[in-house]
Amino acid sequence: MELRIFTEPQQGADYTTLLRVARTTEELGFDGFFRSDHYLHMGSVDGLPGPTDAWITLAGLARETSRIRLGTLVAAATFRLPGPLAIQVAQVDQMSGGRVELGLGTGWFAEEHTAYGIPFPDNKFDRLEEQLAVITGLWETALGDTFDFTGKYYELVRSPALPKPVQQPVPVIVGGLGPTRTPRIAAQYASEFNLPFVSPADSAAQFDRVRAALAAQGRPADSMVYSNALVACVGTSEAEIARRAAAIGREVDELRTNGLAGSPAEVVDKIGRYREIGTQRIYLQILDLADLEHLALIANEVATQL
């Protein structure tokens, strides 16, 4: 079971904070550092000092880390045109020596679009599918050839399809609970299928739908990585667990039900339940980015038991 650290910087984290967490992630042996792609805070926090851009952040981290995988969970398709996004991701992949992964979703938070003058279109799922076709098509185009695409929302004519990423292919992450279209799109474009904040039972049902979609496309079931994202709140005592839950504005019982919360032994046991239904990778959502001791506890008392 691979463990990756997943952050939500829109809740209040500057680049210096993210760099400190990413370096700690690398030093402690976690597999990767991922971040959300939002421009507006959520809930009662003030979000200070303000948002950071996902791909600018990852470009910086690409030069200041050496081993961990870096990516978005997930980039919002509404924020960027697919051609420039393909360029951005390819460049950061070059800057990192081939360590980047692109998680891409529709975009959903209307208020952040309004706050920063970003169009919030209808038919977001249709646009996402075209974006995936364009981005992967640009990367797959042979050097010296050009790429053309005519869709409902995007048109590319004689694109030189440059620059090329180091990785061929760059891993693409798609996820969600849609019962039909989401598995089909994942089977067509993705190398990883991710479910955020979903129980083992619901995960198992959706993973089965993805496997069926893969079979329909002639892909083997094991050509996809199956992953979950879950909030982490681990402590060596009930007082420590409660303190960490309070720091992120959550209740311990709720976190024990819906996340990875409790003692290291409890968390190892719950991760085992995800492993049983086919989960291969877990993104640990860390909401208190000042608590680096939390990461050390998970690395020393949870990761070593998996």
C-alpha atoms as a PDB file:
ATOM      1  CA  MET A   1       0.000   0.000   0.000  1.00  0.00           C
ATOM      2  CA  GLU A   2       1.461   3.338  -1.062  1.00  0.00           C
ATOM      3  CA  LEU A   3       0.793   6.387   1.103  1.00  0.00           C
ATOM      4  CA  ARG A   4       0.800   9.893  -0.323  1.00  0.00           C
ATOM      5  CA  ILE A   5       0.269  13.227   1.426  1.00  0.00           C
ATOM      6  CA  PHE A   6      -2.626  15.316   0.117  1.00  0.00           C
ATOM      7  CA  THR A   7      -2.991  18.985   1.088  1.00  0.00           C
ATOM      8  CA  GLU A   8      -5.684  21.671   0.778  1.00  0.00           C
ATOM      9  CA  PRO A   9      -3.688  24.922   0.526  1.00  0.00           C
ATOM     10  CA  GLN A  10      -6.724  27.110  -0.191  1.00  0.00           C
ATOM     11  CA  GLN A  11      -7.581  26.748   3.495  1.00  0.00           C
ATOM     12  CA  GLY A  12      -4.518  28.829   4.384  1.00  0.00           C
ATOM     13  CA  ALA A  13      -0.990  27.940   3.315  1.00  0.00           C
ATOM     14  CA  ASP A  14       1.692  29.871   1.464  1.00  0.00           C
ATOM     15  CA  TYR A  15       4.437  28.334  -0.663  1.00  0.00           C
ATOM     16  CA  THR A  16       6.917  28.250   2.224  1.00  0.00           C
ATOM     17  CA  THR A  17       4.507  26.128   4.256  1.00  0.00           C
ATOM     18  CA  LEU A  18       3.887  23.778   1.334  1.00  0.00           C
ATOM     19  CA  LEU A  19       7.615  23.417   0.717  1.00  0.00           C
ATOM     20  CA  ARG A  20       8.174  22.496   4.368  1.00  0.00           C
ATOM     21  CA  VAL A  21       5.448  19.848   4.202  1.00  0.00           C
ATOM     22  CA  ALA A  22       6.706  18.490   0.870  1.00  0.00           C
ATOM     23  CA  ARG A  23      10.276  18.184   2.133  1.00  0.00           C
ATOM     24  CA  THR A  24       9.031  16.454   5.287  1.00  0.00           C
ATOM     25  CA  THR A  25       6.942  14.142   3.087  1.00  0.00           C
ATOM     26  CA  GLU A  26      10.077  13.196   1.177  1.00  0.00           C
ATOM     27  CA  GLU A  27      12.283  12.800   4.255  1.00  0.00           C
ATOM     28  CA  LEU A  28       9.765  10.525   5.978  1.00  0.00           C
ATOM     29  CA  GLY A  29       9.512   8.150   3.031  1.00  0.00           C
ATOM     30  CA  PHE A  30       6.007   8.863   1.754  1.00  0.00           C
ATOM     31  CA  ASP A  31       5.443   8.196  -1.940  1.00  0.00           C
ATOM     32  CA  GLY A  32       4.156  11.588  -3.030  1.00  0.00           C
ATOM     33  CA  PHE A  33       2.942  15.099  -2.285  1.00  0.00           C
ATOM     34  CA  PHE A  34      -0.314  16.197  -3.891  1.00  0.00           C
ATOM     35  CA  ARG A  35      -2.419  19.291  -3.569  1.00  0.00           C
ATOM     36  CA  SER A  36      -5.904  20.479  -4.388  1.00  0.00           C
ATOM     37  CA  ASP A  37      -6.588  23.063  -7.090  1.00  0.00           C
ATOM     38  CA  HIS A  38      -8.750  25.798  -5.578  1.00  0.00           C
ATOM     39  CA  TYR A  39      -8.635  29.595  -5.434  1.00  0.00           C
ATOM     40  CA  LEU A  40     -11.063  30.168  -2.552  1.00  0.00           C
ATOM     41  CA  HIS A  41     -11.193  28.839   0.994  1.00  0.00           C
ATOM     42  CA  MET A  42     -14.110  26.762   2.239  1.00  0.00           C
ATOM     43  CA  GLY A  43     -15.883  26.828   5.579  1.00  0.00           C
ATOM     44  CA  SER A  44     -15.114  29.102   8.512  1.00  0.00           C
ATOM     45  CA  VAL A  45     -11.354  29.565   7.932  1.00  0.00           C
ATOM     46  CA  ASP A  46     -10.067  32.885   6.598  1.00  0.00           C
ATOM     47  CA  GLY A  47      -7.756  31.298   4.013  1.00  0.00           C
ATOM     48  CA  LEU A  48      -4.909  33.706   4.822  1.00  0.00           C
ATOM     49  CA  PRO A  49      -2.521  34.591   3.300  1.00  0.00           C
ATOM     50  CA  GLY A  50      -4.525  33.718   0.182  1.00  0.00           C
ATOM     51  CA  PRO A  51      -4.547  31.107  -2.556  1.00  0.00           C
ATOM     52  CA  THR A  52      -1.578  29.581  -4.300  1.00  0.00           C
ATOM     53  CA  ASP A  53      -1.731  28.255  -7.848  1.00  0.00           C
ATOM     54  CA  ALA A  54      -1.389  24.478  -8.090  1.00  0.00           C
ATOM     55  CA  TRP A  55       0.950  24.274 -11.062  1.00  0.00           C
ATOM     56  CA  ILE A  56       3.141  27.192  -9.991  1.00  0.00           C
ATOM     57  CA  THR A  57       3.489  25.477  -6.613  1.00  0.00           C
ATOM     58  CA  LEU A  58       4.362  22.146  -8.212  1.00  0.00           C
ATOM     59  CA  ALA A  59       6.918  23.796 -10.484  1.00  0.00           C
ATOM     60  CA  GLY A  60       8.696  25.160  -7.425  1.00  0.00           C
ATOM     61  CA  LEU A  61       8.521  21.846  -5.593  1.00  0.00           C
ATOM     62  CA  ALA A  62       9.827  20.053  -8.680  1.00  0.00           C
ATOM     63  CA  ARG A  63      13.124  21.900  -8.246  1.00  0.00           C
ATOM     64  CA  GLU A  64      13.256  21.592  -4.446  1.00  0.00           C
ATOM     65  CA  THR A  65      12.525  17.881  -4.024  1.00  0.00           C
ATOM     66  CA  SER A  66      14.211  14.876  -5.597  1.00  0.00           C
ATOM     67  CA  ARG A  67      12.168  11.702  -5.107  1.00  0.00           C
ATOM     68  CA  ILE A  68       8.493  12.136  -4.317  1.00  0.00           C
ATOM     69  CA  ARG A  69       5.760  12.104  -6.937  1.00  0.00           C
ATOM     70  CA  LEU A  70       4.038  15.469  -7.396  1.00  0.00           C
ATOM     71  CA  GLY A  71       0.557  16.212  -8.664  1.00  0.00           C
ATOM     72  CA  THR A  72      -2.962  17.540  -8.374  1.00  0.00           C
ATOM     73  CA  LEU A  73      -5.944  15.887  -6.760  1.00  0.00           C
ATOM     74  CA  VAL A  74      -7.486  17.261  -8.820  1.00  0.00           C
ATOM     75  CA  ALA A  75      -6.869  20.147 -11.209  1.00  0.00           C
ATOM     76  CA  ALA A  76     -10.053  21.937 -12.272  1.00  0.00           C
ATOM     77  CA  ALA A  77     -10.723  21.770 -15.999  1.00  0.00           C
ATOM     78  CA  THR A  78     -12.617  25.069 -15.737  1.00  0.00           C
ATOM     79  CA  PHE A  79      -9.454  26.947 -14.724  1.00  0.00           C
ATOM     80  CA  ARG A  80      -7.351  26.270 -17.812  1.00  0.00           C
ATOM     81  CA  LEU A  81      -7.517  25.615 -21.516  1.00  0.00           C
ATOM     82  CA  PRO A  82      -6.304  22.112 -22.390  1.00  0.00           C
ATOM     83  CA  GLY A  83      -3.447  23.178 -24.674  1.00  0.00           C
ATOM     84  CA  PRO A  84      -1.750  25.464 -22.138  1.00  0.00           C
ATOM     85  CA  LEU A  85      -2.385  22.903 -19.373  1.00  0.00           C
ATOM     86  CA  ALA A  86      -0.614  20.227 -21.441  1.00  0.00           C
ATOM     87  CA  ILE A  87       2.340  22.614 -21.783  1.00  0.00           C
ATOM     88  CA  GLN A  88       2.366  23.402 -18.040  1.00  0.00           C
ATOM     89  CA  VAL A  89       2.280  19.768 -16.963  1.00  0.00           C
ATOM     90  CA  ALA A  90       4.922  18.732 -19.512  1.00  0.00           C
ATOM     91  CA  GLN A  91       7.221  21.529 -18.349  1.00  0.00           C
ATOM     92  CA  VAL A  92       6.835  20.641 -14.665  1.00  0.00           C
ATOM     93  CA  ASP A  93       7.444  17.001 -15.579  1.00  0.00           C
ATOM     94  CA  GLN A  94      10.728  18.076 -17.183  1.00  0.00           C
ATOM     95  CA  MET A  95      11.604  20.230 -14.160  1.00  0.00           C
ATOM     96  CA  SER A  96      11.027  17.290 -11.808  1.00  0.00           C
ATOM     97  CA  GLY A  97      12.864  14.707 -13.882  1.00  0.00           C
ATOM     98  CA  GLY A  98       9.662  12.818 -14.649  1.00  0.00           C
ATOM     99  CA  ARG A  99       7.808  12.813 -11.315  1.00  0.00           C
ATOM    100  CA  VAL A 100       4.525  14.555 -12.182  1.00  0.00           C
ATOM    101  CA  GLU A 101       0.987  13.170 -12.280  1.00  0.00           C
ATOM    102  CA  LEU A 102      -2.108  14.978 -13.533  1.00  0.00           C
ATOM    103  CA  GLY A 103      -5.342  14.533 -11.646  1.00  0.00           C
ATOM    104  CA  LEU A 104      -8.054  16.317 -13.611  1.00  0.00           C
ATOM    105  CA  GLY A 105     -11.710  16.926 -12.756  1.00  0.00           C
ATOM    106  CA  THR A 106     -14.582  19.059 -13.966  1.00  0.00           C
ATOM    107  CA  GLY A 107     -14.330  21.894 -11.440  1.00  0.00           C
ATOM    108  CA  TRP A 108     -17.324  22.352  -9.149  1.00  0.00           C
ATOM    109  CA  PHE A 109     -16.928  25.276  -6.719  1.00  0.00           C
ATOM    110  CA  ALA A 110     -18.966  28.054  -8.335  1.00  0.00           C
ATOM    111  CA  GLU A 111     -18.068  30.720  -5.771  1.00  0.00           C
ATOM    112  CA  GLU A 112     -14.336  30.594  -6.515  1.00  0.00           C
ATOM    113  CA  HIS A 113     -15.060  31.150 -10.190  1.00  0.00           C
ATOM    114  CA  THR A 114     -17.174  34.187  -9.398  1.00  0.00           C
ATOM    115  CA  ALA A 115     -14.575  35.522  -6.954  1.00  0.00           C
ATOM    116  CA  TYR A 116     -11.787  35.527  -9.551  1.00  0.00           C
ATOM    117  CA  GLY A 117     -13.684  36.128 -12.794  1.00  0.00           C
ATOM    118  CA  ILE A 118     -13.378  32.580 -14.119  1.00  0.00           C
ATOM    119  CA  PRO A 119     -16.220  31.392 -16.381  1.00  0.00           C
ATOM    120  CA  PHE A 120     -18.254  28.578 -14.843  1.00  0.00           C
ATOM    121  CA  PRO A 121     -19.709  26.870 -17.903  1.00  0.00           C
ATOM    122  CA  ASP A 122     -22.479  24.366 -18.354  1.00  0.00           C
ATOM    123  CA  ASN A 123     -21.694  20.897 -19.680  1.00  0.00           C
ATOM    124  CA  LYS A 124     -18.564  20.655 -17.546  1.00  0.00           C
ATOM    125  CA  PHE A 125     -18.354  16.890 -17.953  1.00  0.00           C
ATOM    126  CA  ASP A 126     -18.383  17.165 -21.749  1.00  0.00           C
ATOM    127  CA  ARG A 127     -15.594  19.726 -21.535  1.00  0.00           C
ATOM    128  CA  LEU A 128     -13.565  17.486 -19.235  1.00  0.00           C
ATOM    129  CA  GLU A 129     -13.762  14.627 -21.708  1.00  0.00           C
ATOM    130  CA  GLU A 130     -12.571  16.864 -24.543  1.00  0.00           C
ATOM    131  CA  GLN A 131      -9.768  18.226 -22.361  1.00  0.00           C
ATOM    132  CA  LEU A 132      -8.515  14.727 -21.641  1.00  0.00           C
ATOM    133  CA  ALA A 133      -8.609  13.902 -25.354  1.00  0.00           C
ATOM    134  CA  VAL A 134      -6.637  17.048 -26.194  1.00  0.00           C
ATOM    135  CA  ILE A 135      -4.049  16.770 -23.409  1.00  0.00           C
ATOM    136  CA  THR A 136      -3.273  13.099 -23.958  1.00  0.00           C
ATOM    137  CA  GLY A 137      -3.384  13.575 -27.711  1.00  0.00           C
ATOM    138  CA  LEU A 138      -0.810  16.359 -27.573  1.00  0.00           C
ATOM    139  CA  TRP A 139       1.549  14.290 -25.423  1.00  0.00           C
ATOM    140  CA  GLU A 140       1.161  11.195 -27.599  1.00  0.00           C
ATOM    141  CA  THR A 141       1.820  12.971 -30.899  1.00  0.00           C
ATOM    142  CA  ALA A 142       5.141  11.863 -32.357  1.00  0.00           C
ATOM    143  CA  LEU A 143       7.943  14.409 -32.408  1.00  0.00           C
ATOM    144  CA  GLY A 144       7.840  16.220 -35.742  1.00  0.00           C
ATOM    145  CA  ASP A 145       4.148  15.472 -36.322  1.00  0.00           C
ATOM    146  CA  THR A 146       1.269  17.855 -35.657  1.00  0.00           C
ATOM    147  CA  PHE A 147      -1.949  17.386 -33.719  1.00  0.00           C
ATOM    148  CA  ASP A 148      -5.432  18.380 -34.850  1.00  0.00           C
ATOM    149  CA  PHE A 149      -8.624  18.189 -32.849  1.00  0.00           C
ATOM    150  CA  THR A 150     -12.159  19.324 -33.572  1.00  0.00           C
ATOM    151  CA  GLY A 151     -14.621  19.075 -30.716  1.00  0.00           C
ATOM    152  CA  LYS A 152     -17.668  20.949 -29.520  1.00  0.00           C
ATOM    153  CA  TYR A 153     -15.651  23.142 -27.163  1.00  0.00           C
ATOM    154  CA  TYR A 154     -12.029  23.022 -28.349  1.00  0.00           C
ATOM    155  CA  GLU A 155     -10.354  23.111 -31.752  1.00  0.00           C
ATOM    156  CA  LEU A 156      -6.615  22.693 -32.394  1.00  0.00           C
ATOM    157  CA  VAL A 157      -5.128  23.062 -35.874  1.00  0.00           C
ATOM    158  CA  ARG A 158      -1.621  21.864 -36.776  1.00  0.00           C
ATOM    159  CA  SER A 159      -0.384  22.076 -33.196  1.00  0.00           C
ATOM    160  CA  PRO A 160       3.319  21.192 -32.918  1.00  0.00           C
ATOM    161  CA  ALA A 161       2.311  19.353 -29.713  1.00  0.00           C
ATOM    162  CA  LEU A 162       5.310  20.628 -27.770  1.00  0.00           C
ATOM    163  CA  PRO A 163       6.919  20.413 -25.300  1.00  0.00           C
ATOM    164  CA  LYS A 164       7.032  16.707 -24.575  1.00  0.00           C
ATOM    165  CA  PRO A 165       6.986  15.451 -20.976  1.00  0.00           C
ATOM    166  CA  VAL A 166       9.753  13.189 -19.723  1.00  0.00           C
ATOM    167  CA  GLN A 167       7.284  10.428 -18.905  1.00  0.00           C
ATOM    168  CA  GLN A 168       5.553   8.594 -21.692  1.00  0.00           C
ATOM    169  CA  PRO A 169       2.846   8.600 -20.639  1.00  0.00           C
ATOM    170  CA  VAL A 170       2.345  11.063 -17.800  1.00  0.00           C
ATOM    171  CA  PRO A 171       0.057   9.291 -15.301  1.00  0.00           C
ATOM    172  CA  VAL A 172      -3.482  10.689 -15.478  1.00  0.00           C
ATOM    173  CA  ILE A 173      -5.836  10.385 -12.497  1.00  0.00           C
ATOM    174  CA  VAL A 174      -9.621  10.439 -12.915  1.00  0.00           C
ATOM    175  CA  GLY A 175     -12.164   9.747 -10.208  1.00  0.00           C
ATOM    176  CA  GLY A 176     -15.681  10.070  -8.898  1.00  0.00           C
ATOM    177  CA  LEU A 177     -18.829   8.120  -8.185  1.00  0.00           C
ATOM    178  CA  GLY A 178     -20.643   8.482 -11.504  1.00  0.00           C
ATOM    179  CA  PRO A 179     -21.861   4.973 -12.315  1.00  0.00           C
ATOM    180  CA  THR A 180     -21.404   4.894 -16.092  1.00  0.00           C
ATOM    181  CA  ARG A 181     -19.635   7.781 -17.757  1.00  0.00           C
ATOM    182  CA  THR A 182     -16.940   8.282 -15.127  1.00  0.00           C
ATOM    183  CA  PRO A 183     -15.698   4.669 -15.356  1.00  0.00           C
ATOM    184  CA  ARG A 184     -15.764   4.842 -19.165  1.00  0.00           C
ATOM    185  CA  ILE A 185     -13.718   8.052 -19.295  1.00  0.00           C
ATOM    186  CA  ALA A 186     -11.263   6.651 -16.754  1.00  0.00           C
ATOM    187  CA  ALA A 187     -10.871   3.479 -18.798  1.00  0.00           C
ATOM    188  CA  GLN A 188     -10.193   5.539 -21.917  1.00  0.00           C
ATOM    189  CA  TYR A 189      -7.742   8.096 -20.536  1.00  0.00           C
ATOM    190  CA  ALA A 190      -6.560   7.336 -16.996  1.00  0.00           C
ATOM    191  CA  SER A 191      -3.869   5.233 -15.393  1.00  0.00           C
ATOM    192  CA  GLU A 192      -5.340   5.711 -11.893  1.00  0.00           C
ATOM    193  CA  PHE A 193      -8.883   5.823 -10.569  1.00  0.00           C
ATOM    194  CA  ASN A 194      -9.363   7.729  -7.320  1.00  0.00           C
ATOM    195  CA  LEU A 195     -12.286   7.899  -4.913  1.00  0.00           C
ATOM    196  CA  PRO A 196     -12.260  10.731  -2.359  1.00  0.00           C
ATOM    197  CA  PHE A 197     -13.867  10.178   1.051  1.00  0.00           C
ATOM    198  CA  VAL A 198     -15.736   6.975   0.147  1.00  0.00           C
ATOM    199  CA  SER A 199     -16.305   3.890   2.315  1.00  0.00           C
ATOM    200  CA  PRO A 200     -14.740   0.520   1.503  1.00  0.00           C
ATOM    201  CA  ALA A 201     -18.134  -0.864   0.418  1.00  0.00           C
ATOM    202  CA  ASP A 202     -18.897   2.018  -1.945  1.00  0.00           C
ATOM    203  CA  SER A 203     -15.327   1.937  -3.225  1.00  0.00           C
ATOM    204  CA  ALA A 204     -15.588  -1.751  -4.037  1.00  0.00           C
ATOM    205  CA  ALA A 205     -18.752  -1.211  -6.077  1.00  0.00           C
ATOM    206  CA  GLN A 206     -17.227   1.638  -8.076  1.00  0.00           C
ATOM    207  CA  PHE A 207     -13.946  -0.184  -8.632  1.00  0.00           C
ATOM    208  CA  ASP A 208     -15.976  -3.064 -10.101  1.00  0.00           C
ATOM    209  CA  ARG A 209     -17.627  -0.637 -12.528  1.00  0.00           C
ATOM    210  CA  VAL A 210     -14.207   0.628 -13.561  1.00  0.00           C
ATOM    211  CA  ARG A 211     -12.961  -2.918 -14.126  1.00  0.00           C
ATOM    212  CA  ALA A 212     -15.998  -3.579 -16.330  1.00  0.00           C
ATOM    213  CA  ALA A 213     -15.300  -0.395 -18.305  1.00  0.00           C
ATOM    214  CA  LEU A 214     -11.677  -1.438 -18.743  1.00  0.00           C
ATOM    215  CA  ALA A 215     -12.769  -4.819 -20.066  1.00  0.00           C
ATOM    216  CA  ALA A 216     -15.096  -3.116 -22.543  1.00  0.00           C
ATOM    217  CA  GLN A 217     -12.121  -1.116 -23.839  1.00  0.00           C
ATOM    218  CA  GLY A 218      -9.895  -4.183 -24.040  1.00  0.00           C
ATOM    219  CA  ARG A 219      -7.710  -3.127 -21.119  1.00  0.00           C
ATOM    220  CA  PRO A 220      -6.763  -5.535 -18.327  1.00  0.00           C
ATOM    221  CA  ALA A 221      -8.092  -4.681 -14.874  1.00  0.00           C
ATOM    222  CA  ASP A 222      -4.568  -4.423 -13.465  1.00  0.00           C
ATOM    223  CA  SER A 223      -3.622  -1.693 -15.946  1.00  0.00           C
ATOM    224  CA  MET A 224      -5.359   0.765 -13.582  1.00  0.00           C
ATOM    225  CA  VAL A 225      -4.188   1.833 -10.121  1.00  0.00           C
ATOM    226  CA  TYR A 226      -7.105   2.003  -7.657  1.00  0.00           C
ATOM    227  CA  SER A 227      -6.824   4.613  -4.924  1.00  0.00           C
ATOM    228  CA  ASN A 228      -8.709   6.430  -2.169  1.00  0.00           C
ATOM    229  CA  ALA A 229      -8.309   9.803  -0.510  1.00  0.00           C
ATOM    230  CA  LEU A 230      -9.177   9.997   3.185  1.00  0.00           C
ATOM    231  CA  VAL A 231      -8.675  12.599   5.884  1.00  0.00           C
ATOM    232  CA  ALA A 232      -6.077  11.516   8.445  1.00  0.00           C
ATOM    233  CA  CYS A 233      -6.236  12.147  12.181  1.00  0.00           C
ATOM    234  CA  VAL A 234      -3.920   9.815  14.082  1.00  0.00           C
ATOM    235  CA  GLY A 235      -2.799   9.972  17.701  1.00  0.00           C
ATOM    236  CA  THR A 236      -1.158   7.835  20.345  1.00  0.00           C
ATOM    237  CA  SER A 237      -3.854   8.691  22.916  1.00  0.00           C
ATOM    238  CA  GLU A 238      -7.498   9.750  22.883  1.00  0.00           C
ATOM    239  CA  ALA A 239      -6.407  13.219  23.995  1.00  0.00           C
ATOM    240  CA  GLU A 240      -4.006  13.542  21.075  1.00  0.00           C
ATOM    241  CA  ILE A 241      -6.621  12.317  18.592  1.00  0.00           C
ATOM    242  CA  ALA A 242      -9.147  14.800  20.005  1.00  0.00           C
ATOM    243  CA  ARG A 243      -6.621  17.636  19.834  1.00  0.00           C
ATOM    244  CA  ARG A 244      -5.862  16.923  16.187  1.00  0.00           C
ATOM    245  CA  ALA A 245      -9.556  16.636  15.321  1.00  0.00           C
ATOM    246  CA  ALA A 246     -10.309  19.944  17.041  1.00  0.00           C
ATOM    247  CA  ALA A 247      -7.468  21.639  15.173  1.00  0.00           C
ATOM    248  CA  ILE A 248      -9.195  20.883  11.871  1.00  0.00           C
ATOM    249  CA  GLY A 249     -12.726  21.544  13.117  1.00  0.00           C
ATOM    250  CA  ARG A 250     -13.903  17.936  13.019  1.00  0.00           C
ATOM    251  CA  GLU A 251     -15.420  15.466  15.490  1.00  0.00           C
ATOM    252  CA  VAL A 252     -13.478  12.342  16.454  1.00  0.00           C
ATOM    253  CA  ASP A 253     -16.394   9.939  16.005  1.00  0.00           C
ATOM    254  CA  GLU A 254     -17.191  11.324  12.571  1.00  0.00           C
ATOM    255  CA  LEU A 255     -13.557  11.037  11.522  1.00  0.00           C
ATOM    256  CA  ARG A 256     -13.374   7.467  12.782  1.00  0.00           C
ATOM    257  CA  THR A 257     -16.383   6.661  10.591  1.00  0.00           C
ATOM    258  CA  ASN A 258     -15.490   8.600   7.455  1.00  0.00           C
ATOM    259  CA  GLY A 259     -11.716   8.951   7.566  1.00  0.00           C
ATOM    260  CA  LEU A 260      -8.551   7.357   8.867  1.00  0.00           C
ATOM    261  CA  ALA A 261      -8.739   8.370  12.503  1.00  0.00           C
ATOM    262  CA  GLY A 262      -7.736   6.853  15.800  1.00  0.00           C
ATOM    263  CA  SER A 263      -4.673   5.091  17.102  1.00  0.00           C
ATOM    264  CA  PRO A 264      -2.019   3.808  14.681  1.00  0.00           C
ATOM    265  CA  ALA A 265      -3.405   0.287  15.159  1.00  0.00           C
ATOM    266  CA  GLU A 266      -6.936   1.435  14.308  1.00  0.00           C
ATOM    267  CA  VAL A 267      -5.729   3.201  11.181  1.00  0.00           C
ATOM    268  CA  VAL A 268      -3.657   0.210  10.058  1.00  0.00           C
ATOM    269  CA  ASP A 269      -6.727  -1.994  10.501  1.00  0.00           C
ATOM    270  CA  LYS A 270      -8.927   0.324   8.447  1.00  0.00           C
ATOM    271  CA  ILE A 271      -6.347   0.619   5.695  1.00  0.00           C
ATOM    272  CA  GLY A 272      -6.419  -3.176   5.632  1.00  0.00           C
ATOM    273  CA  ARG A 273     -10.132  -3.043   4.837  1.00  0.00           C
ATOM    274  CA  TYR A 274      -9.402  -0.848   1.832  1.00  0.00           C
ATOM    275  CA  ARG A 275      -6.629  -3.177   0.727  1.00  0.00           C
ATOM    276  CA  GLU A 276      -9.093  -6.084   0.797  1.00  0.00           C
ATOM    277  CA  ILE A 277     -11.353  -4.388  -1.782  1.00  0.00           C
ATOM    278  CA  GLY A 278      -8.471  -3.578  -4.132  1.00  0.00           C
ATOM    279  CA  THR A 279      -7.163  -0.196  -3.021  1.00  0.00           C
ATOM    280  CA  GLN A 280      -3.464   0.089  -3.860  1.00  0.00           C
ATOM    281  CA  ARG A 281      -2.756   3.686  -2.870  1.00  0.00           C
ATOM    282  CA  ILE A 282      -4.131   6.055  -0.247  1.00  0.00           C
ATOM    283  CA  TYR A 283      -3.882   9.832  -0.245  1.00  0.00           C
ATOM    284  CA  LEU A 284      -3.803  11.043   3.354  1.00  0.00           C
ATOM    285  CA  GLN A 285      -5.581  14.387   3.490  1.00  0.00           C
ATOM    286  CA  ILE A 286      -3.585  16.468   5.978  1.00  0.00           C
ATOM    287  CA  LEU A 287      -5.485  19.594   6.990  1.00  0.00           C
ATOM    288  CA  ASP A 288      -3.222  20.966   9.740  1.00  0.00           C
ATOM    289  CA  LEU A 289      -0.035  21.714   7.815  1.00  0.00           C
ATOM    290  CA  ALA A 290       1.765  23.068  10.890  1.00  0.00           C
ATOM    291  CA  ASP A 291       1.623  19.685  12.628  1.00  0.00           C
ATOM    292  CA  LEU A 292       4.620  17.923  11.125  1.00  0.00           C
ATOM    293  CA  GLU A 293       4.721  15.569  14.114  1.00  0.00           C
ATOM    294  CA  HIS A 294       1.497  14.107  12.734  1.00  0.00           C
ATOM    295  CA  LEU A 295       3.307  13.120   9.537  1.00  0.00           C
ATOM    296  CA  ALA A 296       6.155  11.594  11.526  1.00  0.00           C
ATOM    297  CA  LEU A 297       3.735   9.547  13.625  1.00  0.00           C
ATOM    298  CA  ILE A 298       2.019   8.176  10.522  1.00  0.00           C
ATOM    299  CA  ALA A 299       5.362   7.377   8.872  1.00  0.00           C
ATOM    300  CA  ASN A 300       6.771   5.646  11.950  1.00  0.00           C
ATOM    301  CA  GLU A 301       3.697   3.903  13.374  1.00  0.00           C
ATOM    302  CA  VAL A 302       1.352   3.354  10.417  1.00  0.00           C
ATOM    303  CA  ALA A 303       3.388   3.114   7.214  1.00  0.00           C
ATOM    304  CA  THR A 304       5.837   0.661   8.796  1.00  0.00           C
ATOM    305  CA  GLN A 305       2.944  -1.712   9.599  1.00  0.00           C
ATOM    306  CA  LEU A 306       1.534  -1.915   6.085  1.00  0.00           C
END
